[in-house]
Amino acid sequence: GADPAALIQPGRRRQPARLRALVIHHALDRR
């Protein structure tokens, strides 16, 4: 339930940071 644009905006808000970590995890995991 999040806005993808929030993940590329500057700042260190917790929810976008958590979802960025999840994107990184799956992107690297599946190459």
PDB file of all heavy atoms in Angstrom:
ATOM      1  N   GLY A   1       0.794  -1.224   0.000  1.00  0.00           N
ATOM      2  CA  GLY A   1       0.000   0.000   0.000  1.00  0.00           C
ATOM      3  C   GLY A   1       0.823   1.268   0.000  1.00  0.00           C
ATOM      4  O   GLY A   1       0.467   2.255   0.677  1.00  0.00           O
ATOM      5  N   ALA A   2       1.921   1.279  -0.736  1.00  0.00           N
ATOM      6  CA  ALA A   2       2.822   2.435  -0.750  1.00  0.00           C
ATOM      7  C   ALA A   2       2.934   3.001  -2.161  1.00  0.00           C
ATOM      8  O   ALA A   2       2.599   2.344  -3.155  1.00  0.00           O
ATOM      9  CB  ALA A   2       4.199   2.035  -0.235  1.00  0.00           C
ATOM     10  N   ASP A   3       3.409   4.226  -2.238  1.00  0.00           N
ATOM     11  CA  ASP A   3       3.619   4.912  -3.516  1.00  0.00           C
ATOM     12  C   ASP A   3       5.053   4.652  -3.984  1.00  0.00           C
ATOM     13  O   ASP A   3       6.005   4.999  -3.268  1.00  0.00           O
ATOM     14  CB  ASP A   3       3.382   6.406  -3.335  1.00  0.00           C
ATOM     15  CG  ASP A   3       3.585   7.197  -4.622  1.00  0.00           C
ATOM     16  OD1 ASP A   3       3.855   6.577  -5.672  1.00  0.00           O
ATOM     17  OD2 ASP A   3       3.502   8.439  -4.566  1.00  0.00           O
ATOM     18  N   PRO A   4       5.252   4.061  -5.160  1.00  0.00           N
ATOM     19  CA  PRO A   4       6.622   3.801  -5.643  1.00  0.00           C
ATOM     20  C   PRO A   4       7.491   5.047  -5.693  1.00  0.00           C
ATOM     21  O   PRO A   4       8.706   4.974  -5.494  1.00  0.00           O
ATOM     22  CB  PRO A   4       6.393   3.234  -7.044  1.00  0.00           C
ATOM     23  CG  PRO A   4       5.014   2.649  -6.992  1.00  0.00           C
ATOM     24  CD  PRO A   4       4.239   3.547  -6.078  1.00  0.00           C
ATOM     25  N   ALA A   5       6.877   6.215  -5.920  1.00  0.00           N
ATOM     26  CA  ALA A   5       7.654   7.454  -6.001  1.00  0.00           C
ATOM     27  C   ALA A   5       8.324   7.783  -4.673  1.00  0.00           C
ATOM     28  O   ALA A   5       9.377   8.431  -4.641  1.00  0.00           O
ATOM     29  CB  ALA A   5       6.754   8.614  -6.421  1.00  0.00           C
ATOM     30  N   ALA A   6       7.745   7.311  -3.560  1.00  0.00           N
ATOM     31  CA  ALA A   6       8.314   7.613  -2.245  1.00  0.00           C
ATOM     32  C   ALA A   6       9.677   6.956  -2.058  1.00  0.00           C
ATOM     33  O   ALA A   6      10.500   7.425  -1.265  1.00  0.00           O
ATOM     34  CB  ALA A   6       7.356   7.148  -1.142  1.00  0.00           C
ATOM     35  N   LEU A   7       9.930   5.858  -2.795  1.00  0.00           N
ATOM     36  CA  LEU A   7      11.188   5.120  -2.613  1.00  0.00           C
ATOM     37  C   LEU A   7      12.378   5.819  -3.254  1.00  0.00           C
ATOM     38  O   LEU A   7      13.539   5.511  -2.925  1.00  0.00           O
ATOM     39  CB  LEU A   7      11.064   3.702  -3.179  1.00  0.00           C
ATOM     40  CG  LEU A   7      10.493   2.646  -2.215  1.00  0.00           C
ATOM     41  CD1 LEU A   7       9.050   2.979  -1.849  1.00  0.00           C
ATOM     42  CD2 LEU A   7      10.575   1.250  -2.816  1.00  0.00           C
ATOM     43  N   ILE A   8      12.111   6.739  -4.180  1.00  0.00           N
ATOM     44  CA  ILE A   8      13.228   7.431  -4.835  1.00  0.00           C
ATOM     45  C   ILE A   8      13.375   8.864  -4.337  1.00  0.00           C
ATOM     46  O   ILE A   8      14.280   9.575  -4.767  1.00  0.00           O
ATOM     47  CB  ILE A   8      13.067   7.423  -6.372  1.00  0.00           C
ATOM     48  CG1 ILE A   8      11.771   8.133  -6.783  1.00  0.00           C
ATOM     49  CG2 ILE A   8      13.105   5.997  -6.901  1.00  0.00           C
ATOM     50  CD1 ILE A   8      11.626   8.265  -8.290  1.00  0.00           C
ATOM     51  N   GLN A   9      12.487   9.280  -3.438  1.00  0.00           N
ATOM     52  CA  GLN A   9      12.598  10.625  -2.889  1.00  0.00           C
ATOM     53  C   GLN A   9      13.688  10.682  -1.833  1.00  0.00           C
ATOM     54  O   GLN A   9      13.969   9.688  -1.171  1.00  0.00           O
ATOM     55  CB  GLN A   9      11.255  11.046  -2.282  1.00  0.00           C
ATOM     56  CG  GLN A   9      10.151  11.238  -3.316  1.00  0.00           C
ATOM     57  CD  GLN A   9       8.789  11.485  -2.696  1.00  0.00           C
ATOM     58  OE1 GLN A   9       8.654  11.441  -1.477  1.00  0.00           O
ATOM     59  NE2 GLN A   9       7.795  11.744  -3.535  1.00  0.00           N
ATOM     60  N   PRO A  10      14.329  11.841  -1.652  1.00  0.00           N
ATOM     61  CA  PRO A  10      15.358  11.970  -0.611  1.00  0.00           C
ATOM     62  C   PRO A  10      14.748  11.845   0.775  1.00  0.00           C
ATOM     63  O   PRO A  10      13.548  12.071   0.974  1.00  0.00           O
ATOM     64  CB  PRO A  10      15.940  13.360  -0.854  1.00  0.00           C
ATOM     65  CG  PRO A  10      14.862  14.105  -1.574  1.00  0.00           C
ATOM     66  CD  PRO A  10      14.148  13.100  -2.406  1.00  0.00           C
ATOM     67  N   GLY A  11      15.592  11.507   1.745  1.00  0.00           N
ATOM     68  CA  GLY A  11      15.120  11.378   3.120  1.00  0.00           C
ATOM     69  C   GLY A  11      15.323   9.962   3.640  1.00  0.00           C
ATOM     70  O   GLY A  11      15.674   9.045   2.882  1.00  0.00           O
ATOM     71  N   ARG A  12      15.071   9.808   4.945  1.00  0.00           N
ATOM     72  CA  ARG A  12      15.312   8.527   5.597  1.00  0.00           C
ATOM     73  C   ARG A  12      14.069   8.018   6.323  1.00  0.00           C
ATOM     74  O   ARG A  12      14.164   7.394   7.377  1.00  0.00           O
ATOM     75  CB  ARG A  12      16.479   8.649   6.597  1.00  0.00           C
ATOM     76  CG  ARG A  12      17.796   9.011   5.939  1.00  0.00           C
ATOM     77  CD  ARG A  12      18.923   9.000   6.948  1.00  0.00           C
ATOM     78  NE  ARG A  12      20.199   9.299   6.335  1.00  0.00           N
ATOM     79  CZ  ARG A  12      21.364   9.286   6.981  1.00  0.00           C
ATOM     80  NH1 ARG A  12      21.386   9.006   8.286  1.00  0.00           N
ATOM     81  NH2 ARG A  12      22.489   9.566   6.354  1.00  0.00           N
ATOM     82  N   ARG A  13      12.909   8.298   5.767  1.00  0.00           N
ATOM     83  CA  ARG A  13      11.691   7.819   6.412  1.00  0.00           C
ATOM     84  C   ARG A  13      11.675   6.295   6.448  1.00  0.00           C
ATOM     85  O   ARG A  13      12.109   5.625   5.510  1.00  0.00           O
ATOM     86  CB  ARG A  13      10.472   8.356   5.659  1.00  0.00           C
ATOM     87  CG  ARG A  13      10.240   9.859   5.858  1.00  0.00           C
ATOM     88  CD  ARG A  13       9.104  10.348   4.982  1.00  0.00           C
ATOM     89  NE  ARG A  13       9.457  10.195   3.563  1.00  0.00           N
ATOM     90  CZ  ARG A  13       8.554  10.212   2.578  1.00  0.00           C
ATOM     91  NH1 ARG A  13       7.272  10.349   2.862  1.00  0.00           N
ATOM     92  NH2 ARG A  13       8.944  10.084   1.334  1.00  0.00           N
ATOM     93  N   ARG A  14      11.140   5.753   7.537  1.00  0.00           N
ATOM     94  CA  ARG A  14      11.268   4.323   7.811  1.00  0.00           C
ATOM     95  C   ARG A  14      10.565   3.442   6.773  1.00  0.00           C
ATOM     96  O   ARG A  14      11.164   2.499   6.259  1.00  0.00           O
ATOM     97  CB  ARG A  14      10.708   4.019   9.210  1.00  0.00           C
ATOM     98  CG  ARG A  14      10.849   2.550   9.602  1.00  0.00           C
ATOM     99  CD  ARG A  14      10.482   2.345  11.060  1.00  0.00           C
ATOM    100  NE  ARG A  14      10.633   0.946  11.435  1.00  0.00           N
ATOM    101  CZ  ARG A  14       9.655   0.049  11.330  1.00  0.00           C
ATOM    102  NH1 ARG A  14       8.473   0.410  10.858  1.00  0.00           N
ATOM    103  NH2 ARG A  14       9.860  -1.203  11.680  1.00  0.00           N
ATOM    104  N   GLN A  15       9.303   3.749   6.447  1.00  0.00           N
ATOM    105  CA  GLN A  15       8.582   2.851   5.540  1.00  0.00           C
ATOM    106  C   GLN A  15       9.204   2.791   4.150  1.00  0.00           C
ATOM    107  O   GLN A  15       9.411   1.699   3.613  1.00  0.00           O
ATOM    108  CB  GLN A  15       7.100   3.250   5.462  1.00  0.00           C
ATOM    109  CG  GLN A  15       6.237   2.375   4.549  1.00  0.00           C
ATOM    110  CD  GLN A  15       6.099   0.918   5.012  1.00  0.00           C
ATOM    111  OE1 GLN A  15       6.739   0.516   5.989  1.00  0.00           O
ATOM    112  NE2 GLN A  15       5.297   0.139   4.333  1.00  0.00           N
ATOM    113  N   PRO A  16       9.542   3.927   3.513  1.00  0.00           N
ATOM    114  CA  PRO A  16      10.231   3.820   2.220  1.00  0.00           C
ATOM    115  C   PRO A  16      11.567   3.082   2.319  1.00  0.00           C
ATOM    116  O   PRO A  16      11.927   2.329   1.415  1.00  0.00           O
ATOM    117  CB  PRO A  16      10.428   5.288   1.810  1.00  0.00           C
ATOM    118  CG  PRO A  16       9.355   6.018   2.516  1.00  0.00           C
ATOM    119  CD  PRO A  16       9.190   5.326   3.821  1.00  0.00           C
ATOM    120  N   ALA A  17      12.295   3.280   3.428  1.00  0.00           N
ATOM    121  CA  ALA A  17      13.584   2.597   3.594  1.00  0.00           C
ATOM    122  C   ALA A  17      13.387   1.085   3.686  1.00  0.00           C
ATOM    123  O   ALA A  17      14.151   0.307   3.113  1.00  0.00           O
ATOM    124  CB  ALA A  17      14.297   3.117   4.838  1.00  0.00           C
ATOM    125  N   ARG A  18      12.345   0.655   4.422  1.00  0.00           N
ATOM    126  CA  ARG A  18      12.046  -0.786   4.547  1.00  0.00           C
ATOM    127  C   ARG A  18      11.731  -1.383   3.183  1.00  0.00           C
ATOM    128  O   ARG A  18      12.211  -2.465   2.835  1.00  0.00           O
ATOM    129  CB  ARG A  18      10.860  -1.013   5.487  1.00  0.00           C
ATOM    130  CG  ARG A  18      11.108  -0.684   6.941  1.00  0.00           C
ATOM    131  CD  ARG A  18       9.837  -0.801   7.761  1.00  0.00           C
ATOM    132  NE  ARG A  18       9.423  -2.198   7.925  1.00  0.00           N
ATOM    133  CZ  ARG A  18       8.340  -2.725   7.380  1.00  0.00           C
ATOM    134  NH1 ARG A  18       7.565  -1.973   6.591  1.00  0.00           N
ATOM    135  NH2 ARG A  18       8.026  -3.990   7.592  1.00  0.00           N
ATOM    136  N   LEU A  19      10.910  -0.663   2.411  1.00  0.00           N
ATOM    137  CA  LEU A  19      10.512  -1.194   1.105  1.00  0.00           C
ATOM    138  C   LEU A  19      11.664  -1.145   0.105  1.00  0.00           C
ATOM    139  O   LEU A  19      11.771  -2.017  -0.760  1.00  0.00           O
ATOM    140  CB  LEU A  19       9.299  -0.429   0.579  1.00  0.00           C
ATOM    141  CG  LEU A  19       8.030  -0.584   1.429  1.00  0.00           C
ATOM    142  CD1 LEU A  19       6.853   0.108   0.765  1.00  0.00           C
ATOM    143  CD2 LEU A  19       7.720  -2.051   1.691  1.00  0.00           C
ATOM    144  N   ARG A  20      12.534  -0.128   0.225  1.00  0.00           N
ATOM    145  CA  ARG A  20      13.735  -0.121  -0.619  1.00  0.00           C
ATOM    146  C   ARG A  20      14.574  -1.361  -0.338  1.00  0.00           C
ATOM    147  O   ARG A  20      15.089  -2.007  -1.246  1.00  0.00           O
ATOM    148  CB  ARG A  20      14.571   1.137  -0.363  1.00  0.00           C
ATOM    149  CG  ARG A  20      14.248   2.298  -1.265  1.00  0.00           C
ATOM    150  CD  ARG A  20      15.343   3.356  -1.255  1.00  0.00           C
ATOM    151  NE  ARG A  20      15.633   3.858   0.070  1.00  0.00           N
ATOM    152  CZ  ARG A  20      14.976   4.859   0.640  1.00  0.00           C
ATOM    153  NH1 ARG A  20      13.994   5.469   0.000  1.00  0.00           N
ATOM    154  NH2 ARG A  20      15.307   5.269   1.852  1.00  0.00           N
ATOM    155  N   ALA A  21      14.718  -1.686   0.966  1.00  0.00           N
ATOM    156  CA  ALA A  21      15.484  -2.884   1.330  1.00  0.00           C
ATOM    157  C   ALA A  21      14.859  -4.131   0.732  1.00  0.00           C
ATOM    158  O   ALA A  21      15.567  -5.039   0.254  1.00  0.00           O
ATOM    159  CB  ALA A  21      15.566  -3.007   2.851  1.00  0.00           C
ATOM    160  N   LEU A  22      13.538  -4.187   0.715  1.00  0.00           N
ATOM    161  CA  LEU A  22      12.849  -5.350   0.159  1.00  0.00           C
ATOM    162  C   LEU A  22      13.051  -5.434  -1.356  1.00  0.00           C
ATOM    163  O   LEU A  22      13.271  -6.519  -1.910  1.00  0.00           O
ATOM    164  CB  LEU A  22      11.358  -5.262   0.495  1.00  0.00           C
ATOM    165  CG  LEU A  22      10.536  -6.536   0.360  1.00  0.00           C
ATOM    166  CD1 LEU A  22      11.147  -7.670   1.163  1.00  0.00           C
ATOM    167  CD2 LEU A  22       9.096  -6.278   0.780  1.00  0.00           C
ATOM    168  N   VAL A  23      12.991  -4.288  -2.027  1.00  0.00           N
ATOM    169  CA  VAL A  23      13.248  -4.264  -3.473  1.00  0.00           C
ATOM    170  C   VAL A  23      14.685  -4.712  -3.756  1.00  0.00           C
ATOM    171  O   VAL A  23      14.933  -5.521  -4.656  1.00  0.00           O
ATOM    172  CB  VAL A  23      12.995  -2.857  -4.052  1.00  0.00           C
ATOM    173  CG1 VAL A  23      13.468  -2.789  -5.504  1.00  0.00           C
ATOM    174  CG2 VAL A  23      11.521  -2.491  -3.958  1.00  0.00           C
ATOM    175  N   ILE A  24      15.639  -4.177  -2.997  1.00  0.00           N
ATOM    176  CA  ILE A  24      17.050  -4.548  -3.179  1.00  0.00           C
ATOM    177  C   ILE A  24      17.225  -6.051  -2.990  1.00  0.00           C
ATOM    178  O   ILE A  24      17.886  -6.726  -3.790  1.00  0.00           O
ATOM    179  CB  ILE A  24      17.941  -3.778  -2.188  1.00  0.00           C
ATOM    180  CG1 ILE A  24      17.864  -2.279  -2.441  1.00  0.00           C
ATOM    181  CG2 ILE A  24      19.394  -4.249  -2.289  1.00  0.00           C
ATOM    182  CD1 ILE A  24      18.398  -1.441  -1.288  1.00  0.00           C
ATOM    183  N   HIS A  25      16.613  -6.567  -1.920  1.00  0.00           N
ATOM    184  CA  HIS A  25      16.730  -8.005  -1.623  1.00  0.00           C
ATOM    185  C   HIS A  25      16.260  -8.845  -2.799  1.00  0.00           C
ATOM    186  O   HIS A  25      16.975  -9.743  -3.269  1.00  0.00           O
ATOM    187  CB  HIS A  25      15.912  -8.332  -0.380  1.00  0.00           C
ATOM    188  CG  HIS A  25      15.716  -9.795  -0.150  1.00  0.00           C
ATOM    189  ND1 HIS A  25      16.678 -10.591   0.440  1.00  0.00           N
ATOM    190  CD2 HIS A  25      14.674 -10.624  -0.441  1.00  0.00           C
ATOM    191  CE1 HIS A  25      16.244 -11.830   0.499  1.00  0.00           C
ATOM    192  NE2 HIS A  25      15.031 -11.871  -0.028  1.00  0.00           N
ATOM    193  N   HIS A  26      15.048  -8.582  -3.297  1.00  0.00           N
ATOM    194  CA  HIS A  26      14.494  -9.407  -4.370  1.00  0.00           C
ATOM    195  C   HIS A  26      15.200  -9.155  -5.701  1.00  0.00           C
ATOM    196  O   HIS A  26      15.357 -10.081  -6.509  1.00  0.00           O
ATOM    197  CB  HIS A  26      12.995  -9.149  -4.507  1.00  0.00           C
ATOM    198  CG  HIS A  26      12.185  -9.766  -3.408  1.00  0.00           C
ATOM    199  ND1 HIS A  26      12.057 -11.137  -3.250  1.00  0.00           N
ATOM    200  CD2 HIS A  26      11.473  -9.213  -2.398  1.00  0.00           C
ATOM    201  CE1 HIS A  26      11.289 -11.401  -2.213  1.00  0.00           C
ATOM    202  NE2 HIS A  26      10.938 -10.250  -1.663  1.00  0.00           N
ATOM    203  N   ALA A  27      15.642  -7.921  -5.938  1.00  0.00           N
ATOM    204  CA  ALA A  27      16.355  -7.627  -7.185  1.00  0.00           C
ATOM    205  C   ALA A  27      17.684  -8.370  -7.253  1.00  0.00           C
ATOM    206  O   ALA A  27      18.047  -8.939  -8.291  1.00  0.00           O
ATOM    207  CB  ALA A  27      16.575  -6.123  -7.320  1.00  0.00           C
ATOM    208  N   LEU A  28      18.425  -8.381  -6.127  1.00  0.00           N
ATOM    209  CA  LEU A  28      19.706  -9.089  -6.096  1.00  0.00           C
ATOM    210  C   LEU A  28      19.492 -10.597  -6.055  1.00  0.00           C
ATOM    211  O   LEU A  28      20.213 -11.355  -6.703  1.00  0.00           O
ATOM    212  CB  LEU A  28      20.516  -8.646  -4.874  1.00  0.00           C
ATOM    213  CG  LEU A  28      20.940  -7.179  -4.849  1.00  0.00           C
ATOM    214  CD1 LEU A  28      21.630  -6.851  -3.530  1.00  0.00           C
ATOM    215  CD2 LEU A  28      21.853  -6.852  -6.021  1.00  0.00           C
ATOM    216  N   ASP A  29      18.473 -11.030  -5.298  1.00  0.00           N
ATOM    217  CA  ASP A  29      18.190 -12.450  -5.153  1.00  0.00           C
ATOM    218  C   ASP A  29      17.862 -13.087  -6.499  1.00  0.00           C
ATOM    219  O   ASP A  29      18.313 -14.196  -6.813  1.00  0.00           O
ATOM    220  CB  ASP A  29      17.024 -12.634  -4.170  1.00  0.00           C
ATOM    221  CG  ASP A  29      16.739 -14.082  -3.854  1.00  0.00           C
ATOM    222  OD1 ASP A  29      17.712 -14.844  -3.719  1.00  0.00           O
ATOM    223  OD2 ASP A  29      15.567 -14.454  -3.737  1.00  0.00           O
ATOM    224  N   ARG A  30      17.084 -12.388  -7.321  1.00  0.00           N
ATOM    225  CA  ARG A  30      16.675 -12.910  -8.620  1.00  0.00           C
ATOM    226  C   ARG A  30      17.536 -12.379  -9.754  1.00  0.00           C
ATOM    227  O   ARG A  30      17.237 -12.605 -10.914  1.00  0.00           O
ATOM    228  CB  ARG A  30      15.199 -12.577  -8.858  1.00  0.00           C
ATOM    229  CG  ARG A  30      14.269 -13.375  -7.954  1.00  0.00           C
ATOM    230  CD  ARG A  30      12.873 -12.783  -7.925  1.00  0.00           C
ATOM    231  NE  ARG A  30      11.935 -13.667  -7.245  1.00  0.00           N
ATOM    232  CZ  ARG A  30      11.837 -13.770  -5.922  1.00  0.00           C
ATOM    233  NH1 ARG A  30      12.626 -13.044  -5.154  1.00  0.00           N
ATOM    234  NH2 ARG A  30      10.972 -14.597  -5.373  1.00  0.00           N
ATOM    235  N   ARG A  31      18.567 -11.639  -9.388  1.00  0.00           N
ATOM    236  CA  ARG A  31      19.528 -11.088 -10.349  1.00  0.00           C
ATOM    237  C   ARG A  31      18.832 -10.231 -11.400  1.00  0.00           C
ATOM    238  O   ARG A  31      19.162 -10.248 -12.574  1.00  0.00           O
ATOM    239  CB  ARG A  31      20.338 -12.218 -10.980  1.00  0.00           C
ATOM    240  CG  ARG A  31      21.059 -13.068  -9.946  1.00  0.00           C
ATOM    241  CD  ARG A  31      21.851 -14.196 -10.546  1.00  0.00           C
ATOM    242  NE  ARG A  31      23.101 -13.711 -11.094  1.00  0.00           N
ATOM    243  CZ  ARG A  31      23.968 -14.483 -11.733  1.00  0.00           C
ATOM    244  NH1 ARG A  31      23.709 -15.767 -11.898  1.00  0.00           N
ATOM    245  NH2 ARG A  31      25.077 -13.991 -12.212  1.00  0.00           N
TER     246      ARG A  31
END
